[in-house]
Each structure stands twice: as structure tokens, then as C-alpha cells.
C-alpha atoms as a PDB file:
ATOM      1  CA  MET A   1       0.010  -0.009   0.017  1.00  0.00           C
ATOM      2  CA  SER A   2       1.456   3.352  -1.086  1.00  0.00           C
ATOM      3  CA  VAL A   3       1.317   6.497   1.092  1.00  0.00           C
ATOM      4  CA  ALA A   4      -1.401   7.950  -1.133  1.00  0.00           C
ATOM      5  CA  GLU A   5      -3.482   4.795  -0.864  1.00  0.00           C
ATOM      6  CA  ALA A   6      -3.115   4.740   2.905  1.00  0.00           C
ATOM      7  CA  LYS A   7      -4.183   8.375   3.180  1.00  0.00           C
ATOM      8  CA  SER A   8      -7.322   7.597   1.172  1.00  0.00           C
ATOM      9  CA  LYS A   9      -8.344   4.907   3.682  1.00  0.00           C
ATOM     10  CA  GLY A  10      -8.730   7.295   6.586  1.00  0.00           C
ATOM     11  CA  PRO A  11      -7.868   6.183  10.169  1.00  0.00           C
ATOM     12  CA  LEU A  12      -7.183   2.635   9.087  1.00  0.00           C
ATOM     13  CA  GLY A  13      -4.604   3.933   6.603  1.00  0.00           C
ATOM     14  CA  ASP A  14      -3.032   6.015   9.276  1.00  0.00           C
ATOM     15  CA  VAL A  15      -2.607   2.951  11.503  1.00  0.00           C
ATOM     16  CA  VAL A  16      -1.111   1.017   8.541  1.00  0.00           C
ATOM     17  CA  MET A  17       1.419   3.824   7.811  1.00  0.00           C
ATOM     18  CA  VAL A  18       2.522   4.036  11.493  1.00  0.00           C
ATOM     19  CA  ALA A  19       2.776   0.229  11.742  1.00  0.00           C
ATOM     20  CA  ARG A  20       4.835   0.010   8.523  1.00  0.00           C
ATOM     21  CA  GLN A  21       7.197   2.777   9.585  1.00  0.00           C
ATOM     22  CA  THR A  22       7.526   1.234  13.042  1.00  0.00           C
ATOM     23  CA  GLY A  23       8.535  -2.001  11.305  1.00  0.00           C
ATOM     24  CA  TYR A  24      11.358  -0.101   9.546  1.00  0.00           C
ATOM     25  CA  GLU A  25      12.451   1.411  12.846  1.00  0.00           C
ATOM     26  CA  GLN A  26      12.474  -1.975  14.528  1.00  0.00           C
ATOM     27  CA  LEU A  27      14.472  -3.480  11.612  1.00  0.00           C
ATOM     28  CA  ALA A  28      17.061  -0.710  11.872  1.00  0.00           C
ATOM     29  CA  PHE A  29      17.283  -1.139  15.634  1.00  0.00           C
ATOM     30  CA  TRP A  30      17.797  -4.921  15.671  1.00  0.00           C
ATOM     31  CA  ARG A  31      20.195  -4.909  12.723  1.00  0.00           C
ATOM     32  CA  ASN A  32      22.518  -2.885  14.838  1.00  0.00           C
ATOM     33  CA  ARG A  33      23.207  -5.937  16.977  1.00  0.00           C
ATOM     34  CA  ILE A  34      25.807  -4.412  19.315  1.00  0.00           C
ATOM     35  CA  GLY A  35      23.658  -1.401  20.006  1.00  0.00           C
ATOM     36  CA  ALA A  36      20.533  -3.553  20.508  1.00  0.00           C
ATOM     37  CA  ILE A  37      22.255  -5.940  22.859  1.00  0.00           C
ATOM     38  CA  PHE A  38      23.631  -3.151  25.028  1.00  0.00           C
ATOM     39  CA  THR A  39      20.373  -1.240  25.020  1.00  0.00           C
ATOM     40  CA  VAL A  40      18.203  -4.215  25.952  1.00  0.00           C
ATOM     41  CA  GLY A  41      20.696  -6.117  28.053  1.00  0.00           C
ATOM     42  CA  PHE A  42      22.210  -3.276  30.117  1.00  0.00           C
ATOM     43  CA  SER A  43      19.487  -3.272  32.764  1.00  0.00           C
ATOM     44  CA  THR A  44      19.469  -7.036  32.954  1.00  0.00           C
ATOM     45  CA  VAL A  45      23.226  -7.214  33.481  1.00  0.00           C
ATOM     46  CA  PHE A  46      23.041  -4.685  36.340  1.00  0.00           C
ATOM     47  CA  LEU A  47      20.168  -6.608  37.947  1.00  0.00           C
ATOM     48  CA  VAL A  48      22.175  -9.799  37.831  1.00  0.00           C
ATOM     49  CA  LEU A  49      25.268  -8.110  39.299  1.00  0.00           C
ATOM     50  CA  LEU A  50      23.307  -6.452  42.104  1.00  0.00           C
ATOM     51  CA  ALA A  51      21.436  -9.685  42.847  1.00  0.00           C
ATOM     52  CA  ALA A  52      24.698 -11.601  42.950  1.00  0.00           C
ATOM     53  CA  GLY A  53      26.133  -9.064  45.364  1.00  0.00           C
ATOM     54  CA  GLY A  54      23.332  -9.402  47.887  1.00  0.00           C
ATOM     55  CA  GLY A  55      19.950  -9.806  46.233  1.00  0.00           C
ATOM     56  CA  GLY A  56      18.810 -12.066  49.044  1.00  0.00           C
ATOM     57  CA  SER A  57      19.573  -9.525  51.783  1.00  0.00           C
ATOM     58  CA  ARG A  58      16.691  -7.761  53.488  1.00  0.00           C
ATOM     59  CA  ILE A  59      15.692  -4.094  53.567  1.00  0.00           C
ATOM     60  CA  SER A  60      14.391  -3.454  57.061  1.00  0.00           C
ATOM     61  CA  PHE A  61      12.623  -0.122  56.437  1.00  0.00           C
ATOM     62  CA  LEU A  62      10.664  -1.602  53.465  1.00  0.00           C
ATOM     63  CA  GLY A  63       8.974  -4.363  55.372  1.00  0.00           C
ATOM     64  CA  ASN A  64      12.050  -6.562  55.486  1.00  0.00           C
ATOM     65  CA  ILE A  65      11.694  -7.459  51.749  1.00  0.00           C
ATOM     66  CA  ARG A  66      14.532  -9.033  49.836  1.00  0.00           C
ATOM     67  CA  GLN A  67      16.719  -6.609  47.869  1.00  0.00           C
ATOM     68  CA  ILE A  68      15.832  -8.290  44.567  1.00  0.00           C
ATOM     69  CA  GLN A  69      12.237  -7.324  45.250  1.00  0.00           C
ATOM     70  CA  TYR A  70      13.388  -3.700  45.236  1.00  0.00           C
ATOM     71  CA  TYR A  71      15.972  -3.825  42.486  1.00  0.00           C
ATOM     72  CA  ALA A  72      13.806  -5.601  39.917  1.00  0.00           C
ATOM     73  CA  PRO A  73      11.123  -2.881  39.764  1.00  0.00           C
ATOM     74  CA  GLY A  74      13.839  -0.261  39.779  1.00  0.00           C
ATOM     75  CA  PHE A  75      15.440  -1.709  36.704  1.00  0.00           C
ATOM     76  CA  VAL A  76      12.032  -2.073  35.048  1.00  0.00           C
ATOM     77  CA  ALA A  77      11.762   1.712  35.483  1.00  0.00           C
ATOM     78  CA  TYR A  78      15.328   2.031  34.228  1.00  0.00           C
ATOM     79  CA  GLY A  79      14.491   0.090  31.083  1.00  0.00           C
ATOM     80  CA  VAL A  80      11.606   2.430  30.343  1.00  0.00           C
ATOM     81  CA  MET A  81      13.743   5.526  30.924  1.00  0.00           C
ATOM     82  CA  SER A  82      16.739   4.301  28.909  1.00  0.00           C
ATOM     83  CA  ALA A  83      14.591   3.559  25.850  1.00  0.00           C
ATOM     84  CA  CYS A  84      12.268   6.568  25.988  1.00  0.00           C
ATOM     85  CA  PHE A  85      14.746   9.178  27.175  1.00  0.00           C
ATOM     86  CA  ASN A  86      18.343   8.156  26.742  1.00  0.00           C
ATOM     87  CA  MET A  87      18.090   6.262  23.448  1.00  0.00           C
ATOM     88  CA  LEU A  88      15.407   8.580  21.977  1.00  0.00           C
ATOM     89  CA  ALA A  89      17.214  11.818  22.764  1.00  0.00           C
ATOM     90  CA  ILE A  90      20.485  10.623  21.216  1.00  0.00           C
ATOM     91  CA  THR A  91      18.707   9.192  18.199  1.00  0.00           C
ATOM     92  CA  MET A  92      16.849  12.419  17.506  1.00  0.00           C
ATOM     93  CA  VAL A  93      20.011  14.510  17.679  1.00  0.00           C
ATOM     94  CA  VAL A  94      21.925  12.147  15.386  1.00  0.00           C
ATOM     95  CA  ARG A  95      19.091  12.147  12.851  1.00  0.00           C
ATOM     96  CA  ARG A  96      18.739  15.893  12.947  1.00  0.00           C
ATOM     97  CA  GLU A  97      22.454  16.639  12.542  1.00  0.00           C
ATOM     98  CA  THR A  98      22.997  14.093   9.765  1.00  0.00           C
ATOM     99  CA  GLY A  99      20.113  15.613   7.845  1.00  0.00           C
ATOM    100  CA  LEU A 100      17.924  12.513   8.057  1.00  0.00           C
ATOM    101  CA  LEU A 101      15.023  14.364   9.635  1.00  0.00           C
ATOM    102  CA  LYS A 102      15.163  17.029   6.987  1.00  0.00           C
ATOM    103  CA  ARG A 103      15.181  14.442   4.157  1.00  0.00           C
ATOM    104  CA  LEU A 104      12.329  12.479   5.681  1.00  0.00           C
ATOM    105  CA  ARG A 105      10.308  15.649   6.030  1.00  0.00           C
ATOM    106  CA  LEU A 106      10.509  16.140   2.261  1.00  0.00           C
ATOM    107  CA  SER A 107       9.229  12.616   1.562  1.00  0.00           C
ATOM    108  CA  PRO A 108       5.531  11.829   1.019  1.00  0.00           C
ATOM    109  CA  LEU A 109       5.379  10.303   4.496  1.00  0.00           C
ATOM    110  CA  PRO A 110       3.483  12.594   6.856  1.00  0.00           C
ATOM    111  CA  ASN A 111       5.669  14.096   9.620  1.00  0.00           C
ATOM    112  CA  TRP A 112       3.416  12.788  12.393  1.00  0.00           C
ATOM    113  CA  VAL A 113       3.652   9.243  11.032  1.00  0.00           C
ATOM    114  CA  MET A 114       7.457   9.398  11.141  1.00  0.00           C
ATOM    115  CA  MET A 115       7.513  10.811  14.628  1.00  0.00           C
ATOM    116  CA  GLY A 116       4.835   8.386  15.835  1.00  0.00           C
ATOM    117  CA  ALA A 117       6.858   5.440  14.509  1.00  0.00           C
ATOM    118  CA  ILE A 118       9.987   6.643  16.330  1.00  0.00           C
ATOM    119  CA  PHE A 119       7.980   6.909  19.605  1.00  0.00           C
ATOM    120  CA  VAL A 120       6.309   3.523  19.145  1.00  0.00           C
ATOM    121  CA  ASN A 121       9.691   1.941  18.466  1.00  0.00           C
ATOM    122  CA  ALA A 122      10.989   3.327  21.749  1.00  0.00           C
ATOM    123  CA  LEU A 123       7.952   1.861  23.547  1.00  0.00           C
ATOM    124  CA  ILE A 124       8.542  -1.551  22.031  1.00  0.00           C
ATOM    125  CA  VAL A 125      12.146  -1.552  23.118  1.00  0.00           C
ATOM    126  CA  ALA A 126      11.093  -0.548  26.626  1.00  0.00           C
ATOM    127  CA  ALA A 127       8.504  -3.347  26.726  1.00  0.00           C
ATOM    128  CA  VAL A 128      11.097  -5.975  25.676  1.00  0.00           C
ATOM    129  CA  GLN A 129      13.357  -4.843  28.506  1.00  0.00           C
ATOM    130  CA  VAL A 130      10.507  -4.986  31.022  1.00  0.00           C
ATOM    131  CA  VAL A 131       9.428  -8.500  30.013  1.00  0.00           C
ATOM    132  CA  LEU A 132      13.057  -9.741  29.995  1.00  0.00           C
ATOM    133  CA  LEU A 133      13.683  -8.347  33.489  1.00  0.00           C
ATOM    134  CA  LEU A 134      10.548  -9.881  34.986  1.00  0.00           C
ATOM    135  CA  VAL A 135      11.191 -13.311  33.408  1.00  0.00           C
ATOM    136  CA  ILE A 136      14.814 -13.423  34.611  1.00  0.00           C
ATOM    137  CA  GLY A 137      13.852 -12.108  38.040  1.00  0.00           C
ATOM    138  CA  ARG A 138      11.141 -14.721  38.468  1.00  0.00           C
ATOM    139  CA  LEU A 139      13.051 -17.712  37.110  1.00  0.00           C
ATOM    140  CA  ALA A 140      16.524 -16.958  38.484  1.00  0.00           C
ATOM    141  CA  TYR A 141      15.777 -15.114  41.747  1.00  0.00           C
ATOM    142  CA  HIS A 142      12.188 -16.090  42.663  1.00  0.00           C
ATOM    143  CA  LEU A 143      10.982 -12.527  42.301  1.00  0.00           C
ATOM    144  CA  GLN A 144       7.432 -12.097  43.530  1.00  0.00           C
ATOM    145  CA  LEU A 145       5.535 -10.634  40.612  1.00  0.00           C
ATOM    146  CA  PRO A 146       3.259  -7.554  41.080  1.00  0.00           C
ATOM    147  CA  HIS A 147      -0.033  -8.131  42.880  1.00  0.00           C
ATOM    148  CA  ASN A 148      -1.710  -5.609  40.613  1.00  0.00           C
ATOM    149  CA  TYR A 149      -0.742  -5.670  36.938  1.00  0.00           C
ATOM    150  CA  LEU A 150      -3.038  -2.773  35.996  1.00  0.00           C
ATOM    151  CA  ALA A 151      -1.181  -0.487  38.421  1.00  0.00           C
ATOM    152  CA  LEU A 152       2.131  -1.610  36.930  1.00  0.00           C
ATOM    153  CA  ILE A 153       0.928  -1.115  33.337  1.00  0.00           C
ATOM    154  CA  LEU A 154      -0.377   2.376  34.155  1.00  0.00           C
ATOM    155  CA  ALA A 155       2.905   3.385  35.805  1.00  0.00           C
ATOM    156  CA  ILE A 156       4.841   2.150  32.728  1.00  0.00           C
ATOM    157  CA  VAL A 157       2.526   3.893  30.241  1.00  0.00           C
ATOM    158  CA  VAL A 158       2.696   7.207  32.138  1.00  0.00           C
ATOM    159  CA  GLY A 159       6.437   6.813  32.382  1.00  0.00           C
ATOM    160  CA  ASP A 160       6.668   6.087  28.655  1.00  0.00           C
ATOM    161  CA  ILE A 161       4.765   9.274  27.837  1.00  0.00           C
ATOM    162  CA  CYS A 162       6.686  11.367  30.343  1.00  0.00           C
ATOM    163  CA  PHE A 163      10.207  10.275  29.293  1.00  0.00           C
ATOM    164  CA  THR A 164       9.380  10.268  25.590  1.00  0.00           C
ATOM    165  CA  ALA A 165       8.379  13.945  25.861  1.00  0.00           C
ATOM    166  CA  LEU A 166      11.477  14.700  27.936  1.00  0.00           C
ATOM    167  CA  GLY A 167      13.677  12.776  25.495  1.00  0.00           C
ATOM    168  CA  VAL A 168      12.519  14.841  22.523  1.00  0.00           C
ATOM    169  CA  ALA A 169      12.800  18.088  24.661  1.00  0.00           C
ATOM    170  CA  ALA A 170      16.348  17.138  25.655  1.00  0.00           C
ATOM    171  CA  SER A 171      17.332  16.572  22.020  1.00  0.00           C
ATOM    172  CA  THR A 172      16.385  20.190  21.219  1.00  0.00           C
ATOM    173  CA  LEU A 173      18.905  21.441  23.790  1.00  0.00           C
ATOM    174  CA  ILE A 174      21.864  19.455  22.417  1.00  0.00           C
ATOM    175  CA  PRO A 175      23.833  21.349  19.738  1.00  0.00           C
ATOM    176  CA  ASN A 176      25.481  18.454  17.903  1.00  0.00           C
ATOM    177  CA  GLN A 177      25.706  14.668  17.770  1.00  0.00           C
ATOM    178  CA  GLU A 178      29.177  14.542  19.361  1.00  0.00           C
ATOM    179  CA  ALA A 179      27.696  16.105  22.533  1.00  0.00           C
ATOM    180  CA  ALA A 180      24.562  13.916  22.493  1.00  0.00           C
ATOM    181  CA  GLY A 181      25.923  10.734  24.143  1.00  0.00           C
ATOM    182  CA  PRO A 182      28.015  12.374  26.918  1.00  0.00           C
ATOM    183  CA  SER A 183      25.504  15.058  27.850  1.00  0.00           C
ATOM    184  CA  VAL A 184      22.455  12.785  27.936  1.00  0.00           C
ATOM    185  CA  SER A 185      24.286  10.013  29.750  1.00  0.00           C
ATOM    186  CA  ILE A 186      25.751  12.310  32.448  1.00  0.00           C
ATOM    187  CA  VAL A 187      22.394  13.831  33.252  1.00  0.00           C
ATOM    188  CA  PHE A 188      20.676  10.489  33.123  1.00  0.00           C
ATOM    189  CA  PHE A 189      23.029   8.552  35.412  1.00  0.00           C
ATOM    190  CA  VAL A 190      23.390  11.372  37.916  1.00  0.00           C
ATOM    191  CA  LEU A 191      19.606  11.476  38.302  1.00  0.00           C
ATOM    192  CA  LEU A 192      19.529   7.661  38.600  1.00  0.00           C
ATOM    193  CA  PHE A 193      22.065   7.820  41.386  1.00  0.00           C
ATOM    194  CA  LEU A 194      20.159  10.513  43.247  1.00  0.00           C
ATOM    195  CA  SER A 195      16.840   8.718  42.791  1.00  0.00           C
ATOM    196  CA  GLY A 196      17.604   5.463  44.575  1.00  0.00           C
ATOM    197  CA  LEU A 197      18.094   3.005  41.726  1.00  0.00           C
ATOM    198  CA  TRP A 198      21.370   1.664  43.078  1.00  0.00           C
ATOM    199  CA  PHE A 199      20.362   1.701  46.734  1.00  0.00           C
ATOM    200  CA  PRO A 200      17.022   2.170  48.573  1.00  0.00           C
ATOM    201  CA  LEU A 201      16.207   5.639  49.858  1.00  0.00           C
ATOM    202  CA  LYS A 202      14.392   6.208  53.099  1.00  0.00           C
ATOM    203  CA  SER A 203      11.274   8.279  52.683  1.00  0.00           C
ATOM    204  CA  GLY A 204      11.800  11.774  54.065  1.00  0.00           C
ATOM    205  CA  SER A 205      15.586  11.673  53.801  1.00  0.00           C
ATOM    206  CA  GLY A 206      17.459  14.636  52.346  1.00  0.00           C
ATOM    207  CA  LEU A 207      18.336  12.738  49.193  1.00  0.00           C
ATOM    208  CA  ALA A 208      14.744  11.565  48.780  1.00  0.00           C
ATOM    209  CA  ARG A 209      13.468  15.094  49.066  1.00  0.00           C
ATOM    210  CA  VAL A 210      15.972  16.390  46.445  1.00  0.00           C
ATOM    211  CA  SER A 211      15.229  13.522  44.037  1.00  0.00           C
ATOM    212  CA  SER A 212      11.456  14.018  44.386  1.00  0.00           C
ATOM    213  CA  ILE A 213      11.808  17.162  42.246  1.00  0.00           C
ATOM    214  CA  PHE A 214      12.684  15.016  39.190  1.00  0.00           C
ATOM    215  CA  PRO A 215      10.553  12.400  37.456  1.00  0.00           C
ATOM    216  CA  VAL A 216      13.129   9.621  37.689  1.00  0.00           C
ATOM    217  CA  ARG A 217      12.468   9.051  41.365  1.00  0.00           C
ATOM    218  CA  HIS A 218       8.713   9.076  40.799  1.00  0.00           C
ATOM    219  CA  LEU A 219       8.849   6.435  38.078  1.00  0.00           C
ATOM    220  CA  ILE A 220      10.950   4.175  40.223  1.00  0.00           C
ATOM    221  CA  THR A 221       8.500   4.606  43.134  1.00  0.00           C
ATOM    222  CA  ALA A 222       5.373   4.155  40.908  1.00  0.00           C
ATOM    223  CA  VAL A 223       6.774   0.929  39.405  1.00  0.00           C
ATOM    224  CA  PHE A 224       7.832  -0.395  42.819  1.00  0.00           C
ATOM    225  CA  ALA A 225       4.362   0.167  44.348  1.00  0.00           C
ATOM    226  CA  PRO A 226       2.713  -2.895  42.705  1.00  0.00           C
ATOM    227  CA  PHE A 227       5.663  -5.054  43.907  1.00  0.00           C
ATOM    228  CA  ASP A 228       5.440  -3.742  47.492  1.00  0.00           C
ATOM    229  CA  LEU A 229       4.400  -6.706  49.665  1.00  0.00           C
ATOM    230  CA  ARG A 230       3.751  -4.739  52.868  1.00  0.00           C
ATOM    231  CA  PRO A 231       0.152  -5.110  54.020  1.00  0.00           C
ATOM    232  CA  GLY A 232      -2.078  -2.089  53.501  1.00  0.00           C
ATOM    233  CA  VAL A 233       0.213  -0.429  50.921  1.00  0.00           C
ATOM    234  CA  SER A 234      -1.629   0.666  47.802  1.00  0.00           C
ATOM    235  CA  PRO A 235      -0.247  -0.360  44.406  1.00  0.00           C
ATOM    236  CA  TRP A 236      -1.576   2.865  42.947  1.00  0.00           C
ATOM    237  CA  SER A 237       1.031   5.636  43.359  1.00  0.00           C
ATOM    238  CA  TRP A 238      -1.157   8.555  42.285  1.00  0.00           C
ATOM    239  CA  ASN A 239       1.162  11.298  43.531  1.00  0.00           C
ATOM    240  CA  ASP A 240       4.050   9.921  41.519  1.00  0.00           C
ATOM    241  CA  LEU A 241       1.908   9.539  38.434  1.00  0.00           C
ATOM    242  CA  GLY A 242       0.708  13.153  38.784  1.00  0.00           C
ATOM    243  CA  VAL A 243       4.274  14.475  39.033  1.00  0.00           C
ATOM    244  CA  MET A 244       5.274  12.557  35.923  1.00  0.00           C
ATOM    245  CA  ALA A 245       2.245  13.912  34.076  1.00  0.00           C
ATOM    246  CA  ILE A 246       3.396  17.433  34.906  1.00  0.00           C
ATOM    247  CA  TRP A 247       6.867  16.715  33.628  1.00  0.00           C
ATOM    248  CA  ALA A 248       5.343  15.249  30.499  1.00  0.00           C
ATOM    249  CA  VAL A 249       3.531  18.495  29.813  1.00  0.00           C
ATOM    250  CA  VAL A 250       6.695  20.507  30.416  1.00  0.00           C
ATOM    251  CA  GLY A 251       8.634  18.253  28.072  1.00  0.00           C
ATOM    252  CA  ALA A 252       5.990  18.505  25.399  1.00  0.00           C
ATOM    253  CA  VAL A 253       5.914  22.291  25.553  1.00  0.00           C
ATOM    254  CA  VAL A 254       9.725  22.552  25.279  1.00  0.00           C
ATOM    255  CA  ALA A 255       9.850  19.998  22.458  1.00  0.00           C
ATOM    256  CA  THR A 256       7.097  21.720  20.510  1.00  0.00           C
ATOM    257  CA  ARG A 257       8.594  25.201  20.763  1.00  0.00           C
ATOM    258  CA  ARG A 258      12.237  24.247  20.138  1.00  0.00           C
ATOM    259  CA  PHE A 259      12.010  21.302  17.755  1.00  0.00           C
ATOM    260  CA  LYS A 260      13.950  21.770  14.478  1.00  0.00           C
ATOM    261  CA  TRP A 261      14.109  19.539  11.444  1.00  0.00           C
ATOM    262  CA  GLU A 262      17.290  21.084   9.980  1.00  0.00           C
ATOM    263  CA  PRO A 263      20.830  20.499  11.302  1.00  0.00           C
ATOM    264  CA  ARG A 264      22.094  23.206  13.573  1.00  0.00           C
ATOM    265  CA  ARG A 265      25.511  23.362  11.955  1.00  0.00           C
ATOM    266  CA  GLY A 266      26.047  25.858   9.165  1.00  0.00           C
END
């Protein structure tokens, strides 16, 4: 089906165009085997290393749960953030500075279809990481799966939207592709460190209060809530979801106002 034929079919044609372009994005992603392995496997490797170093130990202030019960949801959140923020921001800068965005804009393909396919591709990569982490956690470390899957899915979806918006917004602030990797990675990993991915944070601590400003901490907390085995604790982390929604709006506003199709170099 050509682009013109798809357009003539209305909403169904729109879905077909996005699906087809998403297929091309997926093909390009998985053909880069080294990049795909590191993107998908990074969070799994860290989970295995942390579990090997004390995943069976207990966290007293979280109901004496095993550390693996804390780390697994944290790296589920990491998988979402790495695909929708880290990978997406770098990809958008590289495509802009190499002129790919400009060339695609001149093609018959509608701009929103191309952007939608890029976003859907990031969501698929994030979903693969989430499933892989849960399977390995369950089979290898007897991870207790979430007691409310709807709460987990909602947290992941809101996180996807939030960090996709922030990823595009971040790409508009980066001047060239040489700066993309270092600048995005530094910001990303500093926020991960402050937000309790590598070690549990006590609620009300100074570090917890500082990290609560940023959405990274809120996604980790929202994803952990359905895994929290303490009696009486709700799996629905509405406050964290609300903060991520606010950041999503901020990211969307910045991305819309600053987005450029042309390379920034002369």
C-alpha cells in the first residue's frame, strides 16, 4: 500500500502507515546488533550483578523485603527511561544533525507518522526490557511478581509518555551529535544515582526530598508500588503519576517550541 492509498483509507490507513514505519524502525534497531544488545541487556546485566552481590539480603525499612524485590522494579523503570529518554534523545540529535530528519520531512510520508513510529519503536524496546527483566527475576531469583498488573501497566505507560516527551525536549537542547551521548548519559546517570536506583532511599531523607523534584524518582516509586508486599500499601502511586504527568507536559511544551528539522550546523 502506497502512502497515497493509505491516506485515502482514513484512520485505518493512518494505522497502517505508522505500523509499517515502526517496522522499519524496529528493523534498523535490531540490525545494529551491538547497540541492540547493550540497550536491551544493560538493565538485565546490572540486575544480575546487584542480585549476585546481595539480592537475598533484606531491607528493614521496606517491610524486610529481599533486595531483589526492590531492584527488579527499579530496573524495570530504568528500562523504560533508557529507551524513551536516553536512546530517543540521542537518536533524535543524530538524525537531525546528519540531515535525516530534513530528508524524511521532504518525503511523502506525513511528519506525524514518522515521529509516531519513532516513539512507538521506543515503547517496544522498553517493553522488551521490562518482560526480560521480569522473566529473569522470576526464574533466577524467585521474584514475587506484582499483585496488581493494572497499576504496573499504568505506571509504565505514564512513564513512557513522560520520558518520551522529555527525550525529545532534551534533544532540542543538544547542539550536535558529538555532545549527545556524553551530555544525555551524564544527566541520566546522575539522576539515577540521586533517585535510589542503586540503593534504597528512606522516605523523608534529604536525598529523597531532592530527588522528588525530578521524574526519575517518581517512576521508580510508581513501578515499585505494585511489587510492594507490605500489608495495606496501595499499588496505585497517584502522587508519583501526577508528578510525571506534569513533567510530560513541560517536556511536550519545550519539544514543541524548540524542535527543528534542520541540522544546527552551518
